[in-house]
C-alpha atoms as a PDB file:
ATOM      1  CA  MET A   1      -7.678 -12.229   9.841  1.00  0.00           C
ATOM      2  CA  PRO A   2      -4.330 -13.243  11.080  1.00  0.00           C
ATOM      3  CA  SER A   3      -2.228 -10.731  10.937  1.00  0.00           C
ATOM      4  CA  GLN A   4       1.975 -10.308  11.886  1.00  0.00           C
ATOM      5  CA  LYS A   5       3.813  -6.644  12.560  1.00  0.00           C
ATOM      6  CA  ILE A   6       6.256  -5.665   9.824  1.00  0.00           C
ATOM      7  CA  SER A   7       9.031  -3.065  10.987  1.00  0.00           C
ATOM      8  CA  LEU A   8       9.828  -0.250   8.448  1.00  0.00           C
ATOM      9  CA  LEU A   9      12.793   1.856   8.310  1.00  0.00           C
ATOM     10  CA  LEU A  10      11.666   4.894   6.170  1.00  0.00           C
ATOM     11  CA  PRO A  11      13.963   7.485   4.993  1.00  0.00           C
ATOM     12  CA  ARG A  12      14.026  11.126   7.243  1.00  0.00           C
ATOM     13  CA  ASP A  13      12.036  12.845   4.569  1.00  0.00           C
ATOM     14  CA  VAL A  14       9.704  10.197   3.926  1.00  0.00           C
ATOM     15  CA  LEU A  15       8.915   9.966   7.004  1.00  0.00           C
ATOM     16  CA  ASP A  16       8.476  13.786   7.483  1.00  0.00           C
ATOM     17  CA  GLU A  17       5.899  14.075   4.587  1.00  0.00           C
ATOM     18  CA  ALA A  18       4.053  10.942   6.276  1.00  0.00           C
ATOM     19  CA  ARG A  19       3.878  12.465   8.943  1.00  0.00           C
ATOM     20  CA  ARG A  20       2.624  15.820   7.516  1.00  0.00           C
ATOM     21  CA  ALA A  21       0.064  13.767   5.350  1.00  0.00           C
ATOM     22  CA  ALA A  22      -1.019  11.529   8.121  1.00  0.00           C
ATOM     23  CA  THR A  23      -1.725  14.997  10.483  1.00  0.00           C
ATOM     24  CA  ALA A  24      -3.509  16.776   7.640  1.00  0.00           C
ATOM     25  CA  GLY A  25      -6.130  13.783   7.350  1.00  0.00           C
ATOM     26  CA  GLY A  26      -6.332  13.165  11.340  1.00  0.00           C
ATOM     27  CA  GLU A  27      -4.547  10.257  11.198  1.00  0.00           C
ATOM     28  CA  THR A  28      -1.992   8.787  13.339  1.00  0.00           C
ATOM     29  CA  LEU A  29       1.242   7.782  11.464  1.00  0.00           C
ATOM     30  CA  ASP A  30       0.677   4.295  11.477  1.00  0.00           C
ATOM     31  CA  GLN A  31      -3.110   4.726  10.408  1.00  0.00           C
ATOM     32  CA  PHE A  32      -1.954   6.541   7.110  1.00  0.00           C
ATOM     33  CA  VAL A  33       1.032   4.003   6.584  1.00  0.00           C
ATOM     34  CA  HIS A  34      -1.480   0.744   6.957  1.00  0.00           C
ATOM     35  CA  GLY A  35      -4.045   2.598   4.964  1.00  0.00           C
ATOM     36  CA  ALA A  36      -1.190   3.898   2.090  1.00  0.00           C
ATOM     37  CA  ILE A  37       0.638  -0.356   2.045  1.00  0.00           C
ATOM     38  CA  THR A  38      -3.189  -1.219   1.968  1.00  0.00           C
ATOM     39  CA  ASP A  39      -4.090   0.580  -0.696  1.00  0.00           C
ATOM     40  CA  ARG A  40      -0.810   0.102  -3.000  1.00  0.00           C
ATOM     41  CA  LEU A  41      -1.309  -3.817  -2.406  1.00  0.00           C
ATOM     42  CA  SER A  42      -4.763  -3.595  -3.921  1.00  0.00           C
ATOM     43  CA  ARG A  43      -3.917  -2.032  -6.954  1.00  0.00           C
ATOM     44  CA  LEU A  44      -0.770  -4.173  -7.428  1.00  0.00           C
ATOM     45  CA  ALA A  45      -3.524  -7.109  -6.587  1.00  0.00           C
ATOM     46  CA  ALA A  46      -5.963  -6.097  -9.596  1.00  0.00           C
ATOM     47  CA  SER A  47      -3.440  -5.321 -11.848  1.00  0.00           C
ATOM     48  CA  ALA A  48      -1.596  -8.612 -11.900  1.00  0.00           C
ATOM     49  CA  GLU A  49      -5.300  -9.657 -12.013  1.00  0.00           C
ATOM     50  CA  ARG A  50      -5.797  -7.904 -15.301  1.00  0.00           C
ATOM     51  CA  ARG A  51      -2.316  -9.244 -16.417  1.00  0.00           C
ATOM     52  CA  ARG A  52      -3.397 -12.759 -15.792  1.00  0.00           C
ATOM     53  CA  ALA A  53      -7.016 -12.315 -17.280  1.00  0.00           C
ATOM     54  CA  ALA A  54      -4.804 -10.368 -20.877  1.00  0.00           C
ATOM     55  CA  ALA A  55      -2.424 -13.880 -20.634  1.00  0.00           C
ATOM     56  CA  ALA A  56      -5.341 -16.379 -20.688  1.00  0.00           C
ATOM     57  CA  GLU A  57      -7.150 -14.615 -23.392  1.00  0.00           C
ATOM     58  CA  TRP A  58      -3.905 -14.634 -25.649  1.00  0.00           C
ATOM     59  CA  PHE A  59      -3.361 -18.377 -24.568  1.00  0.00           C
ATOM     60  CA  ASP A  60      -7.139 -19.191 -25.525  1.00  0.00           C
END
């Protein structure tokens, strides 16, 4: 799968919280952030699919 590196600038408090969560879960900060972003994008995609399905039913 192709990949692209993306830089994130996080506020200090968010970065500190992410580091704590990563450490608590036995992950690196990169692993934690990657997992969090992947999870959120998956939820957004599922939500968009549900909205598309609902709109298709409405217009049928």
